[in-house]
């Protein structure tokens, strides 16, 4: 396990997105808006997307997502994926 002091801290942001949005499409759309500092897409399923970013770039991540589509809204920010998945249990299982 990598220590936080070596890799740094992360923030995980959950967004409401359309139910039929695929992870690959979301990644493509994000890269078209922010090619360099694009946030990492952890999961996109069941009308929710989880993004990973540095704590300092949280606002930038929200701004990028609203540029991709203004209907994408941030619903939760956490220091752990587990907390987001506890609040939204459907994200505990991968969409098939």
N, C-alpha and C. Protein backbone atom coordinates (compact mmCIF):
# COMPACT_ATOMS: atom_id res chain seq x y z
N UNK A 1 0.84 -1.18 0.00
CA UNK A 1 0.00 0.00 0.00
C UNK A 1 0.89 1.25 0.00
N UNK A 2 0.55 2.19 -0.87
CA UNK A 2 1.34 3.41 -0.99
C UNK A 2 0.88 4.41 0.06
N UNK A 3 1.83 5.01 0.73
CA UNK A 3 1.54 5.96 1.79
C UNK A 3 1.12 7.30 1.17
N UNK A 4 0.13 7.95 1.77
CA UNK A 4 -0.38 9.22 1.25
C UNK A 4 0.71 10.28 1.16
N UNK A 5 1.70 10.21 2.03
CA UNK A 5 2.76 11.21 2.00
C UNK A 5 3.61 11.09 0.74
N UNK A 6 3.60 9.91 0.10
CA UNK A 6 4.36 9.72 -1.13
C UNK A 6 3.54 10.03 -2.38
N UNK A 7 2.31 9.58 -2.43
CA UNK A 7 1.49 9.77 -3.63
C UNK A 7 0.62 11.01 -3.57
N UNK A 8 0.41 11.55 -2.38
CA UNK A 8 -0.46 12.70 -2.21
C UNK A 8 -1.88 12.28 -1.92
N UNK A 9 -2.71 13.26 -1.65
CA UNK A 9 -4.11 13.00 -1.34
C UNK A 9 -4.96 13.17 -2.59
N UNK A 10 -6.13 12.57 -2.57
CA UNK A 10 -7.08 12.69 -3.66
C UNK A 10 -8.42 13.13 -3.13
N UNK A 11 -9.23 13.68 -4.01
CA UNK A 11 -10.64 13.93 -3.74
C UNK A 11 -11.43 13.16 -4.78
N UNK A 12 -12.52 12.61 -4.36
CA UNK A 12 -13.41 11.88 -5.25
C UNK A 12 -14.72 12.65 -5.30
N UNK A 13 -15.17 12.95 -6.51
CA UNK A 13 -16.37 13.75 -6.70
C UNK A 13 -17.39 12.91 -7.45
N UNK A 14 -18.59 12.84 -6.92
CA UNK A 14 -19.68 12.13 -7.59
C UNK A 14 -20.54 13.14 -8.34
N UNK A 15 -20.93 12.79 -9.56
CA UNK A 15 -21.75 13.64 -10.40
C UNK A 15 -22.99 12.89 -10.84
N UNK A 16 -24.09 13.62 -10.99
CA UNK A 16 -25.27 13.09 -11.67
C UNK A 16 -25.07 13.25 -13.15
N UNK A 17 -25.20 12.16 -13.90
CA UNK A 17 -25.05 12.17 -15.35
C UNK A 17 -26.20 11.35 -15.94
N UNK A 18 -26.42 11.40 -17.25
CA UNK A 18 -27.48 10.57 -17.84
C UNK A 18 -27.23 9.08 -17.62
N UNK A 19 -28.30 8.31 -17.49
CA UNK A 19 -28.20 6.87 -17.23
C UNK A 19 -27.45 6.12 -18.32
N UNK A 20 -27.59 6.57 -19.57
CA UNK A 20 -26.99 5.83 -20.68
C UNK A 20 -25.57 6.27 -21.03
N UNK A 21 -24.98 7.17 -20.25
CA UNK A 21 -23.63 7.66 -20.53
C UNK A 21 -22.60 6.57 -20.24
N UNK A 22 -21.72 6.31 -21.20
CA UNK A 22 -20.66 5.32 -21.05
C UNK A 22 -19.36 6.00 -20.61
N UNK A 23 -18.54 5.28 -19.88
CA UNK A 23 -17.28 5.81 -19.36
C UNK A 23 -16.38 6.30 -20.50
N UNK A 24 -16.29 5.54 -21.58
CA UNK A 24 -15.42 5.91 -22.70
C UNK A 24 -15.85 7.23 -23.34
N UNK A 25 -17.15 7.43 -23.47
CA UNK A 25 -17.68 8.67 -24.05
C UNK A 25 -17.38 9.84 -23.12
N UNK A 26 -17.55 9.64 -21.82
CA UNK A 26 -17.26 10.69 -20.86
C UNK A 26 -15.79 11.09 -20.91
N UNK A 27 -14.90 10.12 -20.98
CA UNK A 27 -13.47 10.40 -21.06
C UNK A 27 -13.16 11.20 -22.31
N UNK A 28 -13.72 10.80 -23.43
CA UNK A 28 -13.50 11.51 -24.69
C UNK A 28 -13.98 12.96 -24.61
N UNK A 29 -15.15 13.16 -24.03
CA UNK A 29 -15.70 14.51 -23.90
C UNK A 29 -14.86 15.38 -22.96
N UNK A 30 -14.37 14.80 -21.88
CA UNK A 30 -13.54 15.55 -20.93
C UNK A 30 -12.23 15.95 -21.60
N UNK A 31 -11.62 15.03 -22.34
CA UNK A 31 -10.35 15.34 -23.01
C UNK A 31 -10.51 16.40 -24.09
N UNK A 32 -11.70 16.50 -24.68
CA UNK A 32 -11.91 17.54 -25.69
C UNK A 32 -11.98 18.93 -25.05
N UNK A 33 -12.39 18.99 -23.79
CA UNK A 33 -12.47 20.26 -23.07
C UNK A 33 -11.15 20.57 -22.36
N UNK A 34 -10.56 19.59 -21.71
CA UNK A 34 -9.34 19.78 -20.92
C UNK A 34 -8.36 18.68 -21.25
N UNK A 35 -7.57 18.88 -22.27
CA UNK A 35 -6.64 17.84 -22.72
C UNK A 35 -5.52 17.59 -21.71
N UNK A 36 -4.96 18.63 -21.14
CA UNK A 36 -3.80 18.49 -20.26
C UNK A 36 -4.15 17.97 -18.87
N UNK A 37 -4.89 18.74 -18.11
CA UNK A 37 -5.16 18.42 -16.71
C UNK A 37 -6.55 17.83 -16.53
N UNK A 38 -6.87 16.84 -17.33
CA UNK A 38 -8.21 16.26 -17.21
C UNK A 38 -8.27 15.34 -15.99
N UNK A 39 -9.38 15.39 -15.26
CA UNK A 39 -9.54 14.51 -14.10
C UNK A 39 -9.70 13.06 -14.53
N UNK A 40 -9.42 12.16 -13.62
CA UNK A 40 -9.50 10.74 -13.91
C UNK A 40 -10.90 10.22 -13.62
N UNK A 41 -11.47 9.50 -14.57
CA UNK A 41 -12.81 8.92 -14.40
C UNK A 41 -12.66 7.55 -13.74
N UNK A 42 -13.17 7.42 -12.54
CA UNK A 42 -13.12 6.15 -11.81
C UNK A 42 -14.22 5.23 -12.30
N UNK A 43 -15.44 5.76 -12.36
CA UNK A 43 -16.59 4.92 -12.69
C UNK A 43 -17.69 5.79 -13.28
N UNK A 44 -18.42 5.22 -14.19
CA UNK A 44 -19.58 5.89 -14.77
C UNK A 44 -20.66 4.83 -14.98
N UNK A 45 -21.67 4.84 -14.12
CA UNK A 45 -22.72 3.82 -14.19
C UNK A 45 -23.95 4.29 -13.41
N UNK A 46 -25.11 3.80 -13.83
CA UNK A 46 -26.35 4.02 -13.11
C UNK A 46 -26.67 5.51 -12.90
N UNK A 47 -26.30 6.34 -13.87
CA UNK A 47 -26.61 7.76 -13.76
C UNK A 47 -25.70 8.55 -12.84
N UNK A 48 -24.58 7.95 -12.48
CA UNK A 48 -23.60 8.61 -11.62
C UNK A 48 -22.20 8.43 -12.22
N UNK A 49 -21.33 9.40 -11.97
CA UNK A 49 -19.93 9.30 -12.38
C UNK A 49 -19.07 9.68 -11.19
N UNK A 50 -17.97 8.96 -10.99
CA UNK A 50 -17.03 9.28 -9.92
C UNK A 50 -15.73 9.71 -10.57
N UNK A 51 -15.26 10.90 -10.20
CA UNK A 51 -14.03 11.46 -10.73
C UNK A 51 -13.00 11.57 -9.60
N UNK A 52 -11.72 11.43 -9.96
CA UNK A 52 -10.64 11.59 -8.98
C UNK A 52 -9.81 12.80 -9.37
N UNK A 53 -9.45 13.61 -8.38
CA UNK A 53 -8.61 14.77 -8.64
C UNK A 53 -7.83 15.12 -7.38
N UNK A 54 -6.91 16.06 -7.52
CA UNK A 54 -6.18 16.57 -6.36
C UNK A 54 -7.09 17.50 -5.57
N UNK A 55 -6.88 17.63 -4.28
CA UNK A 55 -7.74 18.52 -3.49
C UNK A 55 -7.79 19.95 -4.03
N UNK A 56 -6.66 20.44 -4.52
CA UNK A 56 -6.61 21.81 -5.03
C UNK A 56 -7.35 21.98 -6.35
N UNK A 57 -7.56 20.90 -7.07
CA UNK A 57 -8.22 21.02 -8.38
C UNK A 57 -9.68 20.56 -8.35
N UNK A 58 -10.28 20.53 -7.18
CA UNK A 58 -11.68 20.13 -7.07
C UNK A 58 -12.59 21.07 -7.85
N UNK A 59 -12.44 22.38 -7.63
CA UNK A 59 -13.28 23.36 -8.34
C UNK A 59 -13.05 23.29 -9.84
N UNK A 60 -11.83 23.07 -10.25
CA UNK A 60 -11.51 22.94 -11.68
C UNK A 60 -12.20 21.72 -12.28
N UNK A 61 -12.25 20.63 -11.55
CA UNK A 61 -12.92 19.42 -12.02
C UNK A 61 -14.41 19.67 -12.19
N UNK A 62 -15.01 20.34 -11.25
CA UNK A 62 -16.44 20.66 -11.35
C UNK A 62 -16.68 21.57 -12.55
N UNK A 63 -15.79 22.53 -12.76
CA UNK A 63 -15.92 23.45 -13.90
C UNK A 63 -15.79 22.71 -15.22
N UNK A 64 -14.83 21.79 -15.31
CA UNK A 64 -14.64 21.00 -16.52
C UNK A 64 -15.89 20.17 -16.82
N UNK A 65 -16.43 19.54 -15.80
CA UNK A 65 -17.63 18.73 -16.01
C UNK A 65 -18.82 19.58 -16.46
N UNK A 66 -18.93 20.80 -15.93
CA UNK A 66 -20.03 21.66 -16.37
C UNK A 66 -19.80 22.18 -17.78
N UNK A 67 -18.55 22.26 -18.22
CA UNK A 67 -18.25 22.64 -19.60
C UNK A 67 -18.60 21.50 -20.55
N UNK A 68 -18.36 20.28 -20.12
CA UNK A 68 -18.70 19.12 -20.95
C UNK A 68 -20.21 19.10 -21.18
N UNK A 69 -20.97 19.25 -20.11
CA UNK A 69 -22.43 19.31 -20.20
C UNK A 69 -22.95 20.03 -18.95
N UNK A 70 -23.65 21.14 -19.13
CA UNK A 70 -24.13 21.89 -17.96
C UNK A 70 -25.09 21.11 -17.06
N UNK A 71 -25.65 20.02 -17.55
CA UNK A 71 -26.57 19.24 -16.72
C UNK A 71 -25.84 18.31 -15.75
N UNK A 72 -24.53 18.12 -15.91
CA UNK A 72 -23.76 17.29 -14.98
C UNK A 72 -23.58 18.08 -13.69
N UNK A 73 -24.14 17.60 -12.61
CA UNK A 73 -24.05 18.32 -11.34
C UNK A 73 -23.29 17.50 -10.30
N UNK A 74 -22.48 18.19 -9.53
CA UNK A 74 -21.74 17.56 -8.44
C UNK A 74 -22.71 17.28 -7.30
N UNK A 75 -22.70 16.04 -6.82
CA UNK A 75 -23.63 15.68 -5.74
C UNK A 75 -22.92 15.35 -4.44
N UNK A 76 -21.60 15.07 -4.52
CA UNK A 76 -20.88 14.72 -3.30
C UNK A 76 -19.38 14.76 -3.56
N UNK A 77 -18.63 15.22 -2.57
CA UNK A 77 -17.17 15.17 -2.62
C UNK A 77 -16.69 14.45 -1.37
N UNK A 78 -15.69 13.58 -1.55
CA UNK A 78 -15.20 12.80 -0.42
C UNK A 78 -13.70 12.54 -0.58
N UNK A 79 -13.07 12.19 0.51
CA UNK A 79 -11.67 11.80 0.48
C UNK A 79 -11.49 10.33 0.17
N UNK A 80 -12.60 9.58 0.16
CA UNK A 80 -12.53 8.15 -0.13
C UNK A 80 -13.65 7.73 -1.09
N UNK A 81 -13.36 6.76 -1.92
CA UNK A 81 -14.39 6.21 -2.80
C UNK A 81 -15.42 5.46 -1.97
N UNK A 82 -14.97 4.83 -0.93
CA UNK A 82 -15.87 4.03 -0.09
C UNK A 82 -17.05 4.85 0.43
N UNK A 83 -16.81 6.06 0.85
CA UNK A 83 -17.88 6.89 1.38
C UNK A 83 -18.93 7.20 0.31
N UNK A 84 -18.48 7.46 -0.91
CA UNK A 84 -19.41 7.70 -2.02
C UNK A 84 -20.21 6.45 -2.31
N UNK A 85 -19.54 5.31 -2.37
CA UNK A 85 -20.23 4.06 -2.67
C UNK A 85 -21.15 3.62 -1.54
N UNK A 86 -20.85 4.01 -0.31
CA UNK A 86 -21.76 3.73 0.80
C UNK A 86 -23.05 4.54 0.66
N UNK A 87 -22.90 5.78 0.21
CA UNK A 87 -24.08 6.63 0.04
C UNK A 87 -24.90 6.23 -1.18
N UNK A 88 -24.22 5.76 -2.24
CA UNK A 88 -24.88 5.33 -3.48
C UNK A 88 -24.53 3.86 -3.72
N UNK A 89 -25.24 2.93 -3.08
CA UNK A 89 -24.89 1.51 -3.11
C UNK A 89 -24.87 0.90 -4.52
N UNK A 90 -25.63 1.47 -5.46
CA UNK A 90 -25.62 0.92 -6.81
C UNK A 90 -24.23 1.02 -7.46
N UNK A 91 -23.37 1.89 -6.96
CA UNK A 91 -22.02 2.03 -7.50
C UNK A 91 -21.05 0.99 -6.95
N UNK A 92 -21.48 0.19 -5.99
CA UNK A 92 -20.62 -0.86 -5.44
C UNK A 92 -20.40 -1.99 -6.43
N UNK A 93 -21.35 -2.16 -7.34
CA UNK A 93 -21.22 -3.20 -8.36
C UNK A 93 -21.02 -2.54 -9.71
N UNK A 94 -20.20 -3.14 -10.53
CA UNK A 94 -19.93 -2.58 -11.86
C UNK A 94 -21.13 -2.84 -12.78
N UNK A 95 -21.40 -1.88 -13.63
CA UNK A 95 -22.48 -2.05 -14.61
C UNK A 95 -22.02 -2.99 -15.69
N UNK A 96 -22.86 -3.93 -16.04
CA UNK A 96 -22.49 -4.92 -17.04
C UNK A 96 -22.98 -4.53 -18.40
